[in-house]
């Protein structure tokens, strides 16, 4: 990546040492962690859709751990050092009222991972009910965020069946 803006989406990550690089993403309930090494001037961002899932044996956070470790490894390959990493985290909104709050779970995972790994989180914008557009400069740790003020989608329990017109066609 040479001095350009690259957009990442769900499940993606990107690391760079280019001083002109900008990584962007749009988040709802997903969470992005921006990590950088201020001495080596390298960093990266991920976009995590589901950090935690439930399985028969309980809660499994391997997807989130994998996403974080892959990003950290990419930064280390560019000359960063784990003990110098700094973080900022974004996203985790509750985008649909009436459903489980996956955004809160994603946010809690991200902050817990950073705490457990001893990575200083210099700031975060997590939760709420608004989508976010995030732009990250990995060489410096600079982040810009634009929050959408749209109201969350209301999930309705009642569904009205359409008229079938007597043709025995069932819509689902």
Protein backbone atom coordinates (compact mmCIF):
# COMPACT_ATOMS: atom_id res chain seq x y z
CA UNK A 1 0.00 0.00 0.00
CA UNK A 2 1.63 3.25 -1.13
CA UNK A 3 0.07 6.48 0.11
CA UNK A 4 -3.54 5.67 -0.51
CA UNK A 5 -6.76 5.04 1.32
CA UNK A 6 -7.80 1.39 1.51
CA UNK A 7 -11.23 0.33 2.74
CA UNK A 8 -11.61 -2.91 4.70
CA UNK A 9 -14.84 -4.80 5.40
CA UNK A 10 -16.06 -7.57 7.70
CA UNK A 11 -13.42 -10.15 8.47
CA UNK A 12 -10.59 -8.19 6.88
CA UNK A 13 -7.44 -6.64 8.34
CA UNK A 14 -4.65 -4.51 6.98
CA UNK A 15 -1.28 -3.39 8.32
CA UNK A 16 1.10 -0.82 6.84
CA UNK A 17 4.32 1.05 7.43
CA UNK A 18 3.55 3.62 4.71
CA UNK A 19 3.48 7.10 6.33
CA UNK A 20 0.77 8.19 3.86
CA UNK A 21 -1.49 5.14 4.30
CA UNK A 22 -5.06 5.53 5.51
CA UNK A 23 -7.25 2.54 6.37
CA UNK A 24 -11.01 3.05 6.53
CA UNK A 25 -14.06 1.01 7.45
CA UNK A 26 -17.75 1.42 8.28
CA UNK A 27 -18.99 -0.19 11.48
CA UNK A 28 -22.34 -1.04 13.02
CA UNK A 29 -22.27 -3.80 15.63
CA UNK A 30 -18.85 -4.89 14.33
CA UNK A 31 -15.73 -3.67 16.11
CA UNK A 32 -12.44 -2.43 14.68
CA UNK A 33 -9.26 -2.30 16.66
CA UNK A 34 -6.59 0.13 15.48
CA UNK A 35 -3.14 -0.95 16.67
CA UNK A 36 0.17 0.78 16.11
CA UNK A 37 3.74 0.95 17.32
CA UNK A 38 4.61 4.66 17.73
CA UNK A 39 8.37 4.01 17.65
CA UNK A 40 8.46 1.81 14.53
CA UNK A 41 5.65 3.90 12.96
CA UNK A 42 3.70 0.86 11.78
CA UNK A 43 0.15 -0.20 12.50
CA UNK A 44 -3.02 -1.73 11.26
CA UNK A 45 -6.76 -2.13 11.62
CA UNK A 46 -9.12 -5.10 11.67
CA UNK A 47 -12.91 -5.35 11.22
CA UNK A 48 -14.41 -8.04 13.47
CA UNK A 49 -17.95 -9.21 12.75
CA UNK A 50 -18.38 -11.75 15.56
CA UNK A 51 -15.73 -11.92 18.27
CA UNK A 52 -17.61 -14.44 20.42
CA UNK A 53 -19.93 -17.32 19.56
CA UNK A 54 -21.76 -19.89 21.59
CA UNK A 55 -21.18 -23.59 21.22
CA UNK A 56 -22.45 -26.62 23.12
CA UNK A 57 -19.61 -26.32 25.61
CA UNK A 58 -20.22 -22.62 26.26
CA UNK A 59 -18.76 -19.39 24.93
CA UNK A 60 -16.00 -19.48 22.30
CA UNK A 61 -13.93 -16.36 21.62
CA UNK A 62 -11.48 -17.92 19.16
CA UNK A 63 -12.73 -15.82 16.22
CA UNK A 64 -11.91 -12.60 18.06
CA UNK A 65 -8.59 -13.87 19.36
CA UNK A 66 -7.65 -15.01 15.85
CA UNK A 67 -8.56 -11.62 14.33
CA UNK A 68 -6.48 -9.77 16.91
CA UNK A 69 -3.47 -12.10 16.73
CA UNK A 70 -3.39 -12.02 12.92
CA UNK A 71 -3.33 -8.21 12.98
CA UNK A 72 -0.63 -8.15 15.66
CA UNK A 73 1.48 -10.63 13.65
CA UNK A 74 1.18 -8.47 10.52
CA UNK A 75 2.39 -5.44 12.50
CA UNK A 76 5.30 -7.42 13.95
CA UNK A 77 6.33 -8.50 10.43
CA UNK A 78 6.60 -4.79 9.53
CA UNK A 79 8.97 -4.10 12.44
CA UNK A 80 6.56 -3.34 15.27
CA UNK A 81 7.11 -4.72 18.75
CA UNK A 82 4.27 -6.16 20.81
CA UNK A 83 5.27 -4.43 24.06
CA UNK A 84 5.06 -0.99 22.36
CA UNK A 85 1.63 -1.46 20.76
CA UNK A 86 -1.08 1.10 21.43
CA UNK A 87 -4.75 0.72 20.58
CA UNK A 88 -7.96 2.57 19.84
CA UNK A 89 -11.26 0.69 19.41
CA UNK A 90 -14.48 1.61 17.58
CA UNK A 91 -17.93 0.21 16.82
CA UNK A 92 -20.09 -2.16 18.81
CA UNK A 93 -23.37 -0.31 18.25
CA UNK A 94 -26.78 -1.85 18.83
CA UNK A 95 -28.11 -1.48 15.32
CA UNK A 96 -31.38 -3.45 15.63
CA UNK A 97 -33.51 -3.03 18.73
CA UNK A 98 -35.16 -6.23 19.87
CA UNK A 99 -32.27 -8.55 18.98
CA UNK A 100 -29.33 -9.65 21.11
CA UNK A 101 -26.73 -6.96 21.69
CA UNK A 102 -23.82 -8.43 19.70
CA UNK A 103 -22.21 -4.98 19.59
CA UNK A 104 -21.83 -4.97 23.37
CA UNK A 105 -20.33 -8.46 23.29
CA UNK A 106 -17.87 -7.40 20.57
CA UNK A 107 -16.90 -4.29 22.56
CA UNK A 108 -16.38 -6.22 25.79
CA UNK A 109 -14.24 -8.80 24.01
CA UNK A 110 -12.03 -6.15 22.42
CA UNK A 111 -11.37 -4.20 25.62
CA UNK A 112 -10.85 -7.44 27.56
CA UNK A 113 -8.35 -8.74 24.99
CA UNK A 114 -6.35 -5.52 25.12
CA UNK A 115 -6.34 -5.57 28.93
CA UNK A 116 -5.30 -9.25 29.09
CA UNK A 117 -2.48 -8.67 26.58
CA UNK A 118 -1.20 -5.54 28.31
CA UNK A 119 -1.88 -3.34 25.27
CA UNK A 120 -2.72 0.20 26.28
CA UNK A 121 -6.04 1.39 24.87
CA UNK A 122 -5.61 5.13 24.43
CA UNK A 123 -9.24 5.67 23.51
CA UNK A 124 -12.41 4.07 22.28
CA UNK A 125 -15.83 4.89 20.91
CA UNK A 126 -17.94 1.82 21.55
CA UNK A 127 -21.65 1.11 21.90
CA UNK A 128 -24.56 3.42 21.29
CA UNK A 129 -27.02 3.05 18.44
CA UNK A 130 -25.20 4.73 15.57
CA UNK A 131 -23.00 3.46 12.76
CA UNK A 132 -19.47 4.84 12.47
CA UNK A 133 -17.11 5.59 9.59
CA UNK A 134 -13.53 5.27 10.85
CA UNK A 135 -10.32 6.39 9.14
CA UNK A 136 -6.95 5.33 10.63
CA UNK A 137 -3.42 6.47 9.85
CA UNK A 138 -1.37 3.40 10.92
CA UNK A 139 2.02 5.13 11.00
CA UNK A 140 0.90 7.73 13.56
CA UNK A 141 -2.13 6.30 15.38
CA UNK A 142 -4.32 9.17 14.23
CA UNK A 143 -8.01 8.28 13.91
CA UNK A 144 -10.99 10.20 12.59
CA UNK A 145 -14.53 9.03 13.20
CA UNK A 146 -17.83 10.16 11.71
CA UNK A 147 -20.92 9.01 13.59
CA UNK A 148 -24.21 8.61 11.75
CA UNK A 149 -27.17 9.97 13.65
CA UNK A 150 -29.72 7.56 12.13
CA UNK A 151 -32.05 5.81 14.54
CA UNK A 152 -31.63 2.05 14.94
CA UNK A 153 -33.87 -0.26 12.96
CA UNK A 154 -36.92 -1.43 14.90
CA UNK A 155 -37.54 -5.16 14.66
CA UNK A 156 -41.26 -5.87 14.56
CA UNK A 157 -42.67 -9.14 15.83
CA UNK A 158 -45.90 -9.00 13.84
CA UNK A 159 -45.87 -9.91 10.17
CA UNK A 160 -48.81 -9.43 7.84
CA UNK A 161 -49.20 -12.13 5.20
CA UNK A 162 -49.70 -10.76 1.68
CA UNK A 163 -52.84 -11.50 -0.31
CA UNK A 164 -52.30 -14.61 -2.43
CA UNK A 165 -55.15 -13.99 -4.86
CA UNK A 166 -56.32 -17.59 -4.73
CA UNK A 167 -53.42 -19.06 -6.73
CA UNK A 168 -52.24 -21.30 -3.89
CA UNK A 169 -48.84 -19.60 -3.85
CA UNK A 170 -47.41 -19.42 -0.35
CA UNK A 171 -44.94 -16.62 0.26
CA UNK A 172 -42.31 -16.98 2.96
